[in-house]
Amino acid sequence: MDIDKLERANILVKSLIPKVDNLLSMHRLTDERVGEYLNALVKSDKEFGTKFMQLVNETKQRFQKEFNEL
């Protein structure tokens, strides 16, 4: 295993995977922690950041559509 792969594996096991695990049980977390974990994942994982922003935009559009229909 080269150094880059070893560093990535270290980041995954020590940081990213635990944050995702915590978010999967977010009902036990404070709002501050949820925000902290989401922020770290958005900054650390480009694909997550893109998909998260897409989800947020889709949610906003859905809410706006619902509001317009009321």
Protein backbone atom coordinates (compact mmCIF):
# COMPACT_ATOMS: atom_id res chain seq x y z
CA MET A 1 0.00 0.00 0.00
CA ASP A 2 1.45 3.38 -0.93
CA ILE A 3 1.54 6.39 1.41
CA ASP A 4 -1.47 8.14 -0.19
CA LYS A 5 -3.67 5.07 0.22
CA LEU A 6 -2.47 4.60 3.77
CA GLU A 7 -3.26 8.23 4.62
CA ARG A 8 -6.72 7.94 3.04
CA ALA A 9 -7.41 4.72 4.94
CA ASN A 10 -6.39 6.46 8.15
CA ILE A 11 -8.75 9.41 7.47
CA LEU A 12 -11.59 7.02 6.65
CA VAL A 13 -11.25 4.85 9.73
CA LYS A 14 -10.43 7.58 12.25
CA SER A 15 -12.65 10.40 11.03
CA LEU A 16 -15.15 9.91 8.24
CA ILE A 17 -16.62 6.50 9.07
CA PRO A 18 -17.18 7.41 12.75
CA LYS A 19 -18.89 10.66 11.72
CA VAL A 20 -21.24 8.80 9.38
CA ASP A 21 -21.95 6.24 12.11
CA ASN A 22 -22.84 9.07 14.48
CA LEU A 23 -25.12 10.69 11.92
CA LEU A 24 -26.94 7.39 11.46
CA SER A 25 -28.03 7.73 15.07
CA MET A 26 -28.41 11.51 15.07
CA HIS A 27 -31.40 11.40 17.38
CA ARG A 28 -28.83 11.11 20.19
CA LEU A 29 -26.76 14.09 19.01
CA THR A 30 -27.03 17.79 19.74
CA ASP A 31 -27.79 20.11 16.83
CA GLU A 32 -24.26 21.46 17.15
CA ARG A 33 -22.74 17.98 16.71
CA VAL A 34 -24.93 17.19 13.71
CA GLY A 35 -23.80 20.43 12.08
CA GLU A 36 -20.18 19.71 12.94
CA TYR A 37 -20.31 16.23 11.41
CA LEU A 38 -22.14 17.37 8.29
CA ASN A 39 -19.68 20.21 7.81
CA ALA A 40 -16.71 17.87 8.15
CA LEU A 41 -18.18 15.42 5.63
CA VAL A 42 -19.01 18.17 3.12
CA LYS A 43 -15.45 19.49 3.36
CA SER A 44 -13.79 16.07 3.28
CA ASP A 45 -15.82 14.26 0.63
CA LYS A 46 -16.61 16.04 -2.63
CA GLU A 47 -19.25 13.48 -3.66
CA PHE A 48 -21.04 13.79 -0.32
CA GLY A 49 -20.95 17.57 -0.57
CA THR A 50 -22.43 17.53 -4.07
CA LYS A 51 -25.18 15.06 -3.18
CA PHE A 52 -25.96 16.86 0.08
CA MET A 53 -26.34 20.21 -1.68
CA GLN A 54 -28.52 18.56 -4.33
CA LEU A 55 -30.74 17.13 -1.59
CA VAL A 56 -30.97 20.52 0.12
CA ASN A 57 -31.90 22.22 -3.16
CA GLU A 58 -34.53 19.57 -3.98
CA THR A 59 -36.00 19.93 -0.49
CA LYS A 60 -36.17 23.70 -0.88
CA GLN A 61 -37.94 23.34 -4.23
CA ARG A 62 -40.42 20.86 -2.76
CA PHE A 63 -41.18 23.21 0.15
CA GLN A 64 -41.53 26.17 -2.21
CA LYS A 65 -43.91 24.21 -4.43
CA GLU A 66 -45.99 23.19 -1.41
CA PHE A 67 -46.09 26.79 -0.21
CA ASN A 68 -47.13 28.06 -3.64
CA GLU A 69 -49.97 25.53 -3.73
CA LEU A 70 -51.35 26.64 -0.37
